[in-house]
Amino acid sequence: MKTRTDIQTSGNLYLVPVPIGNLRDITLRALEVLSSVELIAAEDTRTTSFLLNHHGIAYQELISYHKFNERARINLLIDHLHSGKDLAVVSDAGTPALSDPASILVDAAIEEDIPVIALPGASALLPALTASGLNDGPFLFLGFLPTKAKHRSQFLNQIKASPHPIVLYEAPHRIEKLMCELQQLLGDRKFCLARELTKLHEEYIRGTLTELSEPGRIKAKGEFVVVIDKAPEANQPNTQQIEQLVTLLKQEGISISSATKILMQATGIKRNQAYRLLLDKEEEASE
C-alpha cells in the first residue's frame, strides 16, 4: 500500500471548496492552491473566472468539468496529473464531489495512486444543519433526490424511518412538490428550510411539514437545503405506561433482576434506567 511518504512523480489532485454565496467565504489556502496549480477544472468557467478575478488570482489554465463531460475529461485530467502537474477541481459553489462533479475523477486518481488532497471550506450542508435546531448528533445526508417520480417515491420510503435528521438539497422549481411529497409520507414532522445561504436574502424557515406544505408558504427562489427531523421512535411507551408496568411487575412479585429484563424488552429503555425505576418503586412500597 502506498502512502504520501512514497516517492511521488505525479501531480496532486486538489478538491477546492469555493463560496456558496458570499465571495469572502474562501480560505487563504484555497486561494494559494488556485494560484499555484497548472490547471483548474471548473464546473462553470465563467463563475470560477469571476471568483478568481475578484480575489486578484492569476491562474494558468482553466477548463470546464461538469456532469455532462466529466467522464470524457477523465483521461485528459489523469494524463495531466501523471505528467507531474497539479490540478484543482472546483464547483460553482461549495465542495467538489459533494453533490457536485469530481467523485469519478477522485476514484480514477486513487486507482492510479495519485494523491488526492481535499481542502476544508464552504458547504451549504453544515450551516443549514447547525442552524436548523434539529441537530442532535448523527445525521443522514442525501444530496439531491432522484427527479423521476417512481425513484423519488422509492427513495423517500426507504428513509422515512431514519432515526437521525435528514439533510437534502432541492432546486427552487421542485421545492413545493417536494414539500407535498414529504408531508404525505412523513406527516407533521418538524422541518427547516435554508434558502440563499450566506447571501443578502439568507432565510431559515422553520415549522412542521403541514405548515410548510401550504401553497405559497415558500418563496421558490434560490437553492434550498432541507432539514427533516428524525422519525419518532415507533411505539415508544410514555412515562405513565412505563410506571404502570413497573407497578404491575412489583405486584406480581417478580425479582428485580427479572423485572429489569422484562422492562427493558417491553419499553426499550436502558438497563440502568429500568433498574432505578424498579428500585424506586421497591423503596416506595417499604416506606
Protein backbone atom coordinates (compact mmCIF):
# COMPACT_ATOMS: atom_id res chain seq x y z
CA MET A 1 0.00 0.00 0.00
CA LYS A 2 1.41 3.37 -1.00
CA THR A 3 1.37 6.39 1.25
CA ARG A 4 2.06 10.09 0.84
CA THR A 5 5.63 9.44 2.02
CA ASP A 6 6.49 7.27 -1.03
CA ILE A 7 8.40 8.83 -3.93
CA GLN A 8 5.87 10.88 -5.89
CA THR A 9 6.14 11.51 -9.62
CA SER A 10 2.58 12.62 -10.31
CA GLY A 11 0.95 15.91 -9.51
CA ASN A 12 -1.61 16.42 -6.75
CA LEU A 13 -5.36 16.45 -7.27
CA TYR A 14 -6.81 19.23 -5.11
CA LEU A 15 -10.52 19.44 -4.26
CA VAL A 16 -11.03 23.11 -3.54
CA PRO A 17 -14.24 24.42 -1.91
CA VAL A 18 -15.45 27.81 -3.10
CA PRO A 19 -18.05 30.21 -1.61
CA ILE A 20 -21.73 29.27 -1.78
CA GLY A 21 -22.75 32.92 -1.95
CA ASN A 22 -20.58 35.38 -0.08
CA LEU A 23 -17.33 35.71 -2.04
CA ARG A 24 -15.37 36.31 1.17
CA ASP A 25 -16.08 32.76 2.35
CA ILE A 26 -12.95 31.30 0.80
CA THR A 27 -9.83 30.25 2.67
CA LEU A 28 -6.35 31.64 2.20
CA ARG A 29 -5.15 28.14 1.43
CA ALA A 30 -7.75 27.74 -1.32
CA LEU A 31 -6.57 30.97 -2.97
CA GLU A 32 -2.97 29.81 -2.67
CA VAL A 33 -3.72 26.48 -4.36
CA LEU A 34 -5.76 28.08 -7.15
CA SER A 35 -2.94 30.48 -7.90
CA SER A 36 -0.26 27.78 -7.99
CA VAL A 37 -1.74 24.80 -9.86
CA GLU A 38 -1.07 24.37 -13.57
CA LEU A 39 -4.71 23.58 -14.35
CA ILE A 40 -8.13 24.32 -12.81
CA ALA A 41 -11.11 22.15 -13.79
CA ALA A 42 -14.27 24.15 -13.10
CA GLU A 43 -17.96 23.28 -13.21
CA ASP A 44 -18.57 26.65 -14.90
CA THR A 45 -15.51 28.51 -16.17
CA ARG A 46 -17.35 31.84 -16.16
CA THR A 47 -18.31 31.57 -12.49
CA THR A 48 -14.82 30.47 -11.47
CA SER A 49 -13.14 33.14 -13.60
CA PHE A 50 -15.27 35.80 -11.90
CA LEU A 51 -14.30 34.48 -8.44
CA LEU A 52 -10.59 34.37 -9.28
CA ASN A 53 -10.62 37.85 -10.78
CA HIS A 54 -12.50 39.17 -7.73
CA HIS A 55 -9.67 37.94 -5.49
CA GLY A 56 -6.93 39.01 -7.87
CA ILE A 57 -5.77 35.46 -8.57
CA ALA A 58 -3.72 34.98 -11.72
CA TYR A 59 -4.36 31.41 -12.87
CA GLN A 60 -2.52 29.39 -15.51
CA GLU A 61 -5.23 27.41 -17.31
CA LEU A 62 -8.96 26.92 -16.78
CA ILE A 63 -11.15 24.25 -18.42
CA SER A 64 -14.74 23.10 -17.95
CA TYR A 65 -15.51 20.00 -15.91
CA HIS A 66 -19.18 19.26 -15.22
CA LYS A 67 -21.65 16.39 -15.07
CA PHE A 68 -22.10 16.34 -18.87
CA ASN A 69 -18.40 15.93 -19.70
CA GLU A 70 -16.81 14.53 -16.54
CA ARG A 71 -16.34 11.03 -17.98
CA ALA A 72 -14.96 12.37 -21.25
CA ARG A 73 -12.46 14.52 -19.34
CA ILE A 74 -11.05 11.72 -17.15
CA ASN A 75 -8.18 10.65 -19.42
CA LEU A 76 -7.12 14.23 -20.09
CA LEU A 77 -7.05 15.11 -16.39
CA ILE A 78 -5.34 11.90 -15.29
CA ASP A 79 -2.68 12.37 -18.01
CA HIS A 80 -2.14 15.92 -16.76
CA LEU A 81 -1.57 14.62 -13.24
CA HIS A 82 0.74 11.83 -14.44
CA SER A 83 2.88 14.46 -16.14
CA GLY A 84 3.75 15.76 -12.68
CA LYS A 85 1.50 18.80 -12.80
CA ASP A 86 -1.06 19.74 -10.16
CA LEU A 87 -4.80 20.00 -10.79
CA ALA A 88 -7.50 21.80 -8.80
CA VAL A 89 -11.18 20.93 -9.16
CA VAL A 90 -13.85 23.47 -8.18
CA SER A 91 -17.64 23.51 -8.29
CA ASP A 92 -19.84 26.51 -8.98
CA ALA A 93 -20.37 26.70 -5.23
CA GLY A 94 -19.42 24.60 -2.24
CA THR A 95 -17.29 21.48 -2.10
CA PRO A 96 -16.46 19.28 -5.12
CA ALA A 97 -17.65 15.65 -5.01
CA LEU A 98 -20.39 16.59 -2.52
CA SER A 99 -23.50 16.59 -4.75
CA ASP A 100 -21.23 18.09 -7.44
CA PRO A 101 -18.84 16.58 -10.03
CA ALA A 102 -15.47 15.12 -9.01
CA SER A 103 -16.21 11.75 -7.41
CA ILE A 104 -15.45 9.89 -10.65
CA LEU A 105 -12.16 11.73 -11.00
CA VAL A 106 -11.28 11.05 -7.37
CA ASP A 107 -11.87 7.31 -7.89
CA ALA A 108 -9.69 7.34 -11.02
CA ALA A 109 -6.91 9.24 -9.25
CA ILE A 110 -6.90 6.81 -6.31
CA GLU A 111 -6.77 3.89 -8.75
CA GLU A 112 -3.70 5.49 -10.35
CA ASP A 113 -2.01 6.18 -6.99
CA ILE A 114 -2.33 9.92 -7.50
CA PRO A 115 -2.55 11.92 -4.24
CA VAL A 116 -5.99 13.42 -3.60
CA ILE A 117 -5.96 16.43 -1.27
CA ALA A 118 -9.33 17.75 -0.10
CA LEU A 119 -9.29 21.26 1.35
CA PRO A 120 -11.82 22.16 4.07
CA GLY A 121 -14.17 25.00 3.33
CA ALA A 122 -17.57 26.20 2.21
CA SER A 123 -20.58 23.89 2.03
CA ALA A 124 -24.31 24.56 2.37
CA LEU A 125 -24.80 21.34 4.33
CA LEU A 126 -23.29 22.21 7.72
CA PRO A 127 -24.60 25.79 8.15
CA ALA A 128 -28.14 24.59 7.40
CA LEU A 129 -27.90 21.64 9.77
CA THR A 130 -26.34 23.50 12.69
CA ALA A 131 -28.82 26.40 12.49
CA SER A 132 -31.87 24.20 11.92
CA GLY A 133 -32.47 23.40 15.59
CA LEU A 134 -32.85 19.74 14.64
CA ASN A 135 -29.24 18.60 15.01
CA ASP A 136 -28.58 16.24 17.92
CA GLY A 137 -25.55 14.32 16.69
CA PRO A 138 -25.57 11.87 13.77
CA PHE A 139 -27.39 12.86 10.60
CA LEU A 140 -28.15 11.43 7.14
CA PHE A 141 -27.11 13.48 4.10
CA LEU A 142 -28.81 12.60 0.80
CA GLY A 143 -27.77 15.36 -1.59
CA PHE A 144 -30.28 15.82 -4.42
CA LEU A 145 -33.17 13.35 -4.66
CA PRO A 146 -33.89 11.45 -7.90
CA THR A 147 -36.01 13.53 -10.29
CA LYS A 148 -38.21 10.72 -11.62
CA ALA A 149 -41.40 10.28 -9.57
CA LYS A 150 -41.06 6.49 -9.15
CA HIS A 151 -37.46 6.67 -7.98
CA ARG A 152 -38.21 9.60 -5.66
CA SER A 153 -41.08 7.70 -4.05
CA GLN A 154 -38.96 4.58 -3.51
CA PHE A 155 -36.10 6.65 -2.12
CA LEU A 156 -38.29 8.59 0.31
CA ASN A 157 -39.97 5.42 1.56
CA GLN A 158 -36.57 3.97 2.39
CA ILE A 159 -35.57 6.92 4.57
CA LYS A 160 -38.84 7.76 6.33
CA ALA A 161 -37.93 5.73 9.42
CA SER A 162 -34.45 7.26 9.78
CA PRO A 163 -33.54 7.63 13.49
CA HIS A 164 -31.42 10.66 12.56
CA PRO A 165 -32.20 14.06 10.99
CA ILE A 166 -32.17 14.01 7.19
CA VAL A 167 -30.49 16.70 5.10
CA LEU A 168 -31.02 17.07 1.37
CA TYR A 169 -30.74 19.63 -1.41
CA GLU A 170 -33.54 20.76 -3.71
CA ALA A 171 -33.88 23.13 -6.65
CA PRO A 172 -36.37 26.03 -6.40
CA HIS A 173 -38.66 24.76 -9.17
CA ARG A 174 -39.18 21.46 -7.32
CA ILE A 175 -39.38 22.63 -3.72
CA GLU A 176 -43.19 22.91 -3.41
CA LYS A 177 -43.65 19.45 -4.93
CA LEU A 178 -41.09 18.04 -2.52
CA MET A 179 -42.85 19.60 0.47
CA CYS A 180 -46.16 17.99 -0.53
CA GLU A 181 -44.48 14.61 -1.04
CA LEU A 182 -42.78 14.78 2.35
CA GLN A 183 -45.94 15.87 4.15
CA GLN A 184 -47.91 12.96 2.69
CA LEU A 185 -45.18 10.49 3.60
CA LEU A 186 -43.88 11.80 6.93
CA GLY A 187 -46.89 13.60 8.40
CA ASP A 188 -46.43 16.55 10.73
CA ARG A 189 -42.71 16.19 11.41
CA LYS A 190 -40.53 19.19 12.31
CA PHE A 191 -38.73 20.79 9.44
CA CYS A 192 -36.30 23.54 8.43
CA LEU A 193 -35.67 25.08 5.03
CA ALA A 194 -32.49 27.09 4.49
CA ARG A 195 -32.52 29.36 1.45
CA GLU A 196 -29.92 31.66 -0.16
CA LEU A 197 -27.32 30.77 2.47
CA THR A 198 -24.59 33.40 3.07
CA LYS A 199 -26.29 35.75 0.59
CA LEU A 200 -28.12 39.03 1.18
CA HIS A 201 -31.54 37.35 1.42
CA GLU A 202 -30.48 34.36 3.53
CA GLU A 203 -33.53 32.82 5.17
CA TYR A 204 -34.38 29.98 7.54
CA ILE A 205 -37.97 28.75 7.51
CA ARG A 206 -38.85 26.53 10.46
CA GLY A 207 -42.08 24.75 11.27
CA THR A 208 -43.86 21.48 10.58
CA LEU A 209 -44.33 19.77 7.25
CA THR A 210 -48.04 20.57 7.35
CA GLU A 211 -47.35 24.28 7.81
CA LEU A 212 -44.63 24.48 5.19
CA SER A 213 -46.52 22.49 2.54
CA GLU A 214 -49.28 25.11 2.34
CA PRO A 215 -49.43 26.71 -1.14
CA GLY A 216 -47.50 29.98 -1.33
CA ARG A 217 -45.80 29.42 2.05
CA ILE A 218 -42.35 29.11 0.46
CA LYS A 219 -40.75 31.60 -1.90
CA ALA A 220 -39.38 29.35 -4.64
CA LYS A 221 -36.19 31.28 -5.30
CA GLY A 222 -32.61 30.20 -4.70
CA GLU A 223 -31.19 26.79 -3.87
CA PHE A 224 -32.68 25.08 -0.80
CA VAL A 225 -31.18 22.94 1.92
CA VAL A 226 -33.90 20.82 3.52
CA VAL A 227 -33.51 19.51 7.07
CA ILE A 228 -36.08 16.98 8.30
CA ASP A 229 -36.40 15.89 11.91
CA LYS A 230 -35.67 12.29 12.79
CA ALA A 231 -38.51 9.78 12.86
CA PRO A 232 -40.33 9.43 16.19
CA GLU A 233 -39.45 6.23 17.99
CA ALA A 234 -42.04 3.68 16.98
CA ASN A 235 -44.44 2.60 19.70
CA GLN A 236 -42.35 4.13 22.45
CA PRO A 237 -44.34 3.92 25.71
CA ASN A 238 -44.97 7.17 27.52
CA THR A 239 -43.94 7.77 31.13
CA GLN A 240 -47.34 6.78 32.51
CA GLN A 241 -47.31 3.45 30.67
CA ILE A 242 -43.82 2.67 31.96
CA GLU A 243 -44.85 3.45 35.54
CA GLN A 244 -47.91 1.22 35.22
CA LEU A 245 -45.73 -1.65 34.01
CA VAL A 246 -43.28 -1.12 36.90
CA THR A 247 -46.17 -1.29 39.37
CA LEU A 248 -47.54 -4.46 37.76
CA LEU A 249 -44.15 -6.19 37.85
CA LYS A 250 -43.74 -5.44 41.55
CA GLN A 251 -47.28 -6.59 42.34
CA GLU A 252 -46.56 -9.93 40.63
CA GLY A 253 -43.60 -10.44 42.95
CA ILE A 254 -41.09 -10.78 40.12
CA SER A 255 -37.48 -10.42 41.20
CA ILE A 256 -35.82 -7.11 40.44
CA SER A 257 -33.33 -8.82 38.12
CA SER A 258 -36.04 -10.49 36.02
CA ALA A 259 -38.26 -7.41 36.15
CA THR A 260 -35.39 -5.29 34.84
CA LYS A 261 -35.04 -7.53 31.78
CA ILE A 262 -38.79 -7.52 31.14
CA LEU A 263 -38.97 -3.74 31.46
CA MET A 264 -36.05 -3.26 29.06
CA GLN A 265 -37.57 -5.56 26.43
CA ALA A 266 -41.07 -4.12 26.71
CA THR A 267 -40.17 -0.43 26.65
CA GLY A 268 -36.75 -0.14 25.05
CA ILE A 269 -35.31 1.81 27.99
CA LYS A 270 -31.75 1.17 29.15
CA ARG A 271 -30.80 -1.25 31.93
CA ASN A 272 -29.74 1.44 34.43
CA GLN A 273 -33.00 3.35 33.95
CA ALA A 274 -35.12 0.21 34.28
CA TYR A 275 -33.27 -0.89 37.41
CA ARG A 276 -33.60 2.56 39.01
CA LEU A 277 -37.36 2.70 38.34
CA LEU A 278 -37.88 -0.71 39.92
CA LEU A 279 -35.66 0.15 42.89
CA ASP A 280 -37.56 3.40 43.46
CA LYS A 281 -40.85 1.51 43.38
CA GLU A 282 -39.49 -1.00 45.91
CA GLU A 283 -38.39 1.81 48.23
CA GLU A 284 -41.84 3.44 47.97
CA ALA A 285 -43.51 0.17 48.97
CA SER A 286 -41.26 -0.24 52.04
CA GLU A 287 -41.98 3.25 53.41
